[in-house]
Amino acid sequence: MSNNKNSEFEQRTDKLQVITDVIKDAAKVYQGDVTALLALLRQLEKLHREIRDGMFQDSLPDNRQRLYSLLKNIESEGGWPYIERMRLQSFLVNLPVEVGDE
């Protein structure tokens, strides 16, 4: 990697780390406030959708060589980004079990 490319990569990595730290700090501030944490998750999902449907799609490769390079990157760097939703059972885990009268 050339010095210029390496510098660009480091700047991008640093910028993404700053964003990650801000989000983690917000989550820590909201810890214990399920409504605020849910709002944060919704905002992240909305941002994910906006980037994916807008800038990302507009930036998709226009030739086979670039497409191959992108697919290779996706495979080597951990796959496709995905925001998983919790299942209802995960919510129920914290509820006390009620014993019926017998």
N, C-alpha and C. Protein backbone atom coordinates (compact mmCIF):
# COMPACT_ATOMS: atom_id res chain seq x y z
N MET A 1 0.85 -1.17 0.00
CA MET A 1 0.00 0.00 0.00
C MET A 1 0.90 1.23 0.00
N SER A 2 0.63 2.19 -0.85
CA SER A 2 1.43 3.41 -0.90
C SER A 2 1.19 4.24 0.35
N ASN A 3 2.10 5.20 0.59
CA ASN A 3 1.96 6.06 1.77
C ASN A 3 0.65 6.81 1.77
N ASN A 4 0.24 7.32 0.59
CA ASN A 4 -1.00 8.07 0.48
C ASN A 4 -2.21 7.19 0.80
N LYS A 5 -2.22 5.99 0.23
CA LYS A 5 -3.33 5.05 0.48
C LYS A 5 -3.36 4.64 1.95
N ASN A 6 -2.18 4.40 2.51
CA ASN A 6 -2.08 4.02 3.92
C ASN A 6 -2.60 5.13 4.82
N SER A 7 -2.25 6.36 4.49
CA SER A 7 -2.70 7.52 5.26
C SER A 7 -4.22 7.67 5.18
N GLU A 8 -4.78 7.49 3.98
CA GLU A 8 -6.24 7.57 3.80
C GLU A 8 -6.93 6.48 4.61
N PHE A 9 -6.38 5.28 4.59
CA PHE A 9 -6.95 4.16 5.34
C PHE A 9 -6.92 4.46 6.84
N GLU A 10 -5.80 4.97 7.33
CA GLU A 10 -5.68 5.30 8.75
C GLU A 10 -6.66 6.40 9.15
N GLN A 11 -6.81 7.42 8.29
CA GLN A 11 -7.75 8.50 8.59
C GLN A 11 -9.18 7.97 8.65
N ARG A 12 -9.53 7.10 7.70
CA ARG A 12 -10.88 6.52 7.69
C ARG A 12 -11.10 5.67 8.93
N THR A 13 -10.11 4.86 9.28
CA THR A 13 -10.21 4.02 10.47
C THR A 13 -10.36 4.87 11.72
N ASP A 14 -9.58 5.93 11.82
CA ASP A 14 -9.67 6.82 12.98
C ASP A 14 -11.04 7.48 13.07
N LYS A 15 -11.55 7.93 11.94
CA LYS A 15 -12.86 8.59 11.91
C LYS A 15 -13.97 7.62 12.33
N LEU A 16 -13.90 6.39 11.82
CA LEU A 16 -14.89 5.38 12.19
C LEU A 16 -14.80 5.03 13.68
N GLN A 17 -13.59 5.03 14.22
CA GLN A 17 -13.42 4.75 15.65
C GLN A 17 -14.04 5.86 16.49
N VAL A 18 -13.90 7.10 16.06
CA VAL A 18 -14.51 8.23 16.77
C VAL A 18 -16.03 8.08 16.79
N ILE A 19 -16.60 7.72 15.64
CA ILE A 19 -18.05 7.52 15.54
C ILE A 19 -18.48 6.38 16.47
N THR A 20 -17.74 5.29 16.45
CA THR A 20 -18.04 4.15 17.31
C THR A 20 -18.00 4.55 18.78
N ASP A 21 -16.99 5.31 19.15
CA ASP A 21 -16.86 5.74 20.55
C ASP A 21 -18.03 6.63 20.97
N VAL A 22 -18.47 7.52 20.09
CA VAL A 22 -19.60 8.40 20.40
C VAL A 22 -20.86 7.57 20.63
N ILE A 23 -21.09 6.59 19.78
CA ILE A 23 -22.27 5.74 19.92
C ILE A 23 -22.20 4.92 21.21
N LYS A 24 -21.04 4.36 21.51
CA LYS A 24 -20.88 3.60 22.76
C LYS A 24 -21.10 4.49 23.98
N ASP A 25 -20.57 5.71 23.93
CA ASP A 25 -20.77 6.65 25.04
C ASP A 25 -22.25 6.96 25.23
N ALA A 26 -22.96 7.17 24.12
CA ALA A 26 -24.41 7.44 24.21
C ALA A 26 -25.12 6.25 24.84
N ALA A 27 -24.76 5.04 24.42
CA ALA A 27 -25.39 3.84 24.98
C ALA A 27 -25.13 3.74 26.48
N LYS A 28 -23.92 4.09 26.91
CA LYS A 28 -23.61 4.05 28.35
C LYS A 28 -24.44 5.07 29.12
N VAL A 29 -24.61 6.25 28.54
CA VAL A 29 -25.42 7.30 29.18
C VAL A 29 -26.86 6.82 29.32
N TYR A 30 -27.36 6.11 28.31
CA TYR A 30 -28.75 5.66 28.30
C TYR A 30 -28.95 4.32 29.01
N GLN A 31 -27.88 3.72 29.51
CA GLN A 31 -28.00 2.41 30.16
C GLN A 31 -29.05 2.46 31.25
N GLY A 32 -29.97 1.50 31.21
CA GLY A 32 -31.06 1.45 32.17
C GLY A 32 -32.33 2.12 31.67
N ASP A 33 -32.22 2.91 30.61
CA ASP A 33 -33.38 3.60 30.02
C ASP A 33 -33.72 2.91 28.71
N VAL A 34 -34.59 1.90 28.80
CA VAL A 34 -34.89 1.07 27.63
C VAL A 34 -35.47 1.88 26.47
N THR A 35 -36.25 2.92 26.77
CA THR A 35 -36.84 3.74 25.71
C THR A 35 -35.76 4.51 24.96
N ALA A 36 -34.81 5.07 25.68
CA ALA A 36 -33.72 5.81 25.04
C ALA A 36 -32.82 4.88 24.24
N LEU A 37 -32.54 3.70 24.78
CA LEU A 37 -31.72 2.73 24.05
C LEU A 37 -32.42 2.25 22.79
N LEU A 38 -33.73 2.05 22.88
CA LEU A 38 -34.51 1.66 21.71
C LEU A 38 -34.47 2.76 20.65
N ALA A 39 -34.56 4.01 21.08
CA ALA A 39 -34.47 5.14 20.15
C ALA A 39 -33.10 5.17 19.47
N LEU A 40 -32.04 4.89 20.24
CA LEU A 40 -30.70 4.84 19.67
C LEU A 40 -30.59 3.73 18.62
N LEU A 41 -31.11 2.55 18.95
CA LEU A 41 -31.09 1.44 17.99
C LEU A 41 -31.89 1.77 16.74
N ARG A 42 -33.03 2.41 16.91
CA ARG A 42 -33.84 2.80 15.75
C ARG A 42 -33.09 3.79 14.87
N GLN A 43 -32.40 4.73 15.51
CA GLN A 43 -31.64 5.72 14.75
C GLN A 43 -30.50 5.05 13.97
N LEU A 44 -29.83 4.10 14.61
CA LEU A 44 -28.75 3.37 13.92
C LEU A 44 -29.30 2.58 12.74
N GLU A 45 -30.46 1.95 12.93
CA GLU A 45 -31.07 1.19 11.84
C GLU A 45 -31.46 2.12 10.70
N LYS A 46 -32.02 3.28 11.03
CA LYS A 46 -32.41 4.26 10.01
C LYS A 46 -31.18 4.74 9.24
N LEU A 47 -30.11 5.03 9.96
CA LEU A 47 -28.87 5.48 9.32
C LEU A 47 -28.31 4.39 8.41
N HIS A 48 -28.34 3.15 8.89
CA HIS A 48 -27.88 2.01 8.09
C HIS A 48 -28.66 1.94 6.78
N ARG A 49 -29.98 2.07 6.87
CA ARG A 49 -30.84 2.00 5.69
C ARG A 49 -30.54 3.16 4.73
N GLU A 50 -30.39 4.37 5.28
CA GLU A 50 -30.11 5.54 4.44
C GLU A 50 -28.79 5.39 3.69
N ILE A 51 -27.76 4.94 4.38
CA ILE A 51 -26.46 4.76 3.73
C ILE A 51 -26.54 3.66 2.68
N ARG A 52 -27.16 2.53 3.03
CA ARG A 52 -27.26 1.40 2.11
C ARG A 52 -28.04 1.75 0.86
N ASP A 53 -29.21 2.39 1.05
CA ASP A 53 -30.10 2.67 -0.08
C ASP A 53 -29.68 3.89 -0.88
N GLY A 54 -28.82 4.71 -0.34
CA GLY A 54 -28.40 5.92 -1.02
C GLY A 54 -26.97 5.85 -1.49
N MET A 55 -26.09 6.32 -0.65
CA MET A 55 -24.68 6.46 -1.01
C MET A 55 -24.02 5.13 -1.39
N PHE A 56 -24.33 4.05 -0.66
CA PHE A 56 -23.71 2.77 -0.97
C PHE A 56 -24.14 2.28 -2.35
N GLN A 57 -25.45 2.28 -2.62
CA GLN A 57 -25.92 1.81 -3.92
C GLN A 57 -25.39 2.68 -5.05
N ASP A 58 -25.29 3.99 -4.80
CA ASP A 58 -24.75 4.89 -5.81
C ASP A 58 -23.27 4.64 -6.07
N SER A 59 -22.59 4.02 -5.11
CA SER A 59 -21.15 3.78 -5.22
C SER A 59 -20.81 2.37 -5.70
N LEU A 60 -21.82 1.56 -5.97
CA LEU A 60 -21.56 0.18 -6.39
C LEU A 60 -20.73 0.15 -7.67
N PRO A 61 -19.90 -0.89 -7.82
CA PRO A 61 -19.02 -0.99 -8.98
C PRO A 61 -19.79 -1.02 -10.30
N ASP A 62 -19.13 -0.49 -11.32
CA ASP A 62 -19.75 -0.46 -12.65
C ASP A 62 -19.02 -1.37 -13.64
N ASN A 63 -18.09 -2.19 -13.12
CA ASN A 63 -17.44 -3.17 -14.00
C ASN A 63 -17.10 -4.42 -13.19
N ARG A 64 -16.78 -5.49 -13.89
CA ARG A 64 -16.55 -6.78 -13.24
C ARG A 64 -15.35 -6.77 -12.30
N GLN A 65 -14.29 -6.09 -12.69
CA GLN A 65 -13.08 -6.06 -11.86
C GLN A 65 -13.35 -5.41 -10.51
N ARG A 66 -14.04 -4.29 -10.51
CA ARG A 66 -14.37 -3.61 -9.25
C ARG A 66 -15.37 -4.42 -8.43
N LEU A 67 -16.32 -5.06 -9.11
CA LEU A 67 -17.28 -5.91 -8.41
C LEU A 67 -16.57 -7.07 -7.72
N TYR A 68 -15.64 -7.69 -8.43
CA TYR A 68 -14.87 -8.79 -7.85
C TYR A 68 -14.09 -8.30 -6.63
N SER A 69 -13.48 -7.14 -6.75
CA SER A 69 -12.72 -6.57 -5.63
C SER A 69 -13.62 -6.32 -4.42
N LEU A 70 -14.82 -5.78 -4.67
CA LEU A 70 -15.77 -5.53 -3.58
C LEU A 70 -16.20 -6.84 -2.92
N LEU A 71 -16.54 -7.83 -3.72
CA LEU A 71 -16.97 -9.12 -3.17
C LEU A 71 -15.85 -9.79 -2.38
N LYS A 72 -14.63 -9.65 -2.87
CA LYS A 72 -13.48 -10.19 -2.16
C LYS A 72 -13.32 -9.50 -0.80
N ASN A 73 -13.50 -8.19 -0.79
CA ASN A 73 -13.42 -7.43 0.46
C ASN A 73 -14.51 -7.85 1.43
N ILE A 74 -15.73 -7.99 0.93
CA ILE A 74 -16.85 -8.40 1.79
C ILE A 74 -16.56 -9.76 2.42
N GLU A 75 -16.03 -10.68 1.60
CA GLU A 75 -15.74 -12.02 2.10
C GLU A 75 -14.60 -12.01 3.12
N SER A 76 -13.57 -11.23 2.87
CA SER A 76 -12.40 -11.25 3.76
C SER A 76 -12.58 -10.42 5.02
N GLU A 77 -13.46 -9.43 4.98
CA GLU A 77 -13.62 -8.52 6.12
C GLU A 77 -14.83 -8.84 6.99
N GLY A 78 -15.46 -9.97 6.80
CA GLY A 78 -16.51 -10.37 7.73
C GLY A 78 -17.92 -10.36 7.21
N GLY A 79 -18.09 -10.31 5.93
CA GLY A 79 -19.43 -10.44 5.38
C GLY A 79 -20.19 -9.15 5.25
N TRP A 80 -21.47 -9.30 4.99
CA TRP A 80 -22.36 -8.18 4.73
C TRP A 80 -22.85 -7.58 6.04
N PRO A 81 -22.86 -6.25 6.15
CA PRO A 81 -23.37 -5.64 7.39
C PRO A 81 -24.84 -5.98 7.61
N TYR A 82 -25.18 -6.29 8.83
CA TYR A 82 -26.55 -6.70 9.14
C TYR A 82 -26.91 -6.22 10.53
N ILE A 83 -28.10 -5.67 10.67
CA ILE A 83 -28.58 -5.25 11.98
C ILE A 83 -29.66 -6.24 12.40
N GLU A 84 -29.34 -7.07 13.38
CA GLU A 84 -30.26 -8.12 13.81
C GLU A 84 -31.26 -7.57 14.81
N ARG A 85 -32.49 -8.01 14.67
CA ARG A 85 -33.53 -7.64 15.63
C ARG A 85 -33.65 -8.73 16.68
N MET A 86 -34.00 -8.31 17.88
CA MET A 86 -34.20 -9.27 18.97
C MET A 86 -35.48 -10.06 18.72
N ARG A 87 -35.48 -11.27 19.18
CA ARG A 87 -36.69 -12.09 19.12
C ARG A 87 -37.51 -11.84 20.39
N LEU A 88 -38.80 -12.07 20.28
CA LEU A 88 -39.70 -11.86 21.41
C LEU A 88 -39.25 -12.65 22.63
N GLN A 89 -38.74 -13.85 22.42
CA GLN A 89 -38.29 -14.68 23.54
C GLN A 89 -37.20 -13.99 24.35
N SER A 90 -36.39 -13.18 23.71
CA SER A 90 -35.33 -12.45 24.42
C SER A 90 -35.92 -11.45 25.41
N PHE A 91 -37.07 -10.87 25.07
CA PHE A 91 -37.74 -9.95 25.98
C PHE A 91 -38.32 -10.70 27.18
N LEU A 92 -38.83 -11.89 26.93
CA LEU A 92 -39.51 -12.65 27.97
C LEU A 92 -38.57 -13.25 29.00
N VAL A 93 -37.29 -13.34 28.68
CA VAL A 93 -36.31 -13.94 29.58
C VAL A 93 -36.27 -13.22 30.93
N ASN A 94 -36.47 -11.91 30.93
CA ASN A 94 -36.38 -11.13 32.17
C ASN A 94 -37.67 -11.10 32.97
N LEU A 95 -38.74 -11.64 32.44
CA LEU A 95 -40.02 -11.64 33.16
C LEU A 95 -40.04 -12.79 34.16
N PRO A 96 -40.57 -12.54 35.35
CA PRO A 96 -40.66 -13.62 36.33
C PRO A 96 -41.68 -14.67 35.87
N VAL A 97 -41.39 -15.90 36.20
CA VAL A 97 -42.30 -16.99 35.85
C VAL A 97 -43.42 -17.00 36.88
N GLU A 98 -44.66 -16.99 36.40
CA GLU A 98 -45.81 -17.03 37.30
C GLU A 98 -46.26 -18.47 37.46
N VAL A 99 -46.44 -18.85 38.70
CA VAL A 99 -46.90 -20.20 39.01
C VAL A 99 -48.40 -20.13 39.22
N GLY A 100 -49.15 -20.93 38.46
CA GLY A 100 -50.60 -20.93 38.57
C GLY A 100 -51.07 -21.69 39.80
N ASP A 101 -52.27 -21.35 40.28
CA ASP A 101 -52.87 -22.06 41.43
C ASP A 101 -53.32 -23.43 40.98
N GLU A 102 -52.96 -24.43 41.74
CA GLU A 102 -53.35 -25.79 41.39
C GLU A 102 -54.15 -26.41 42.49
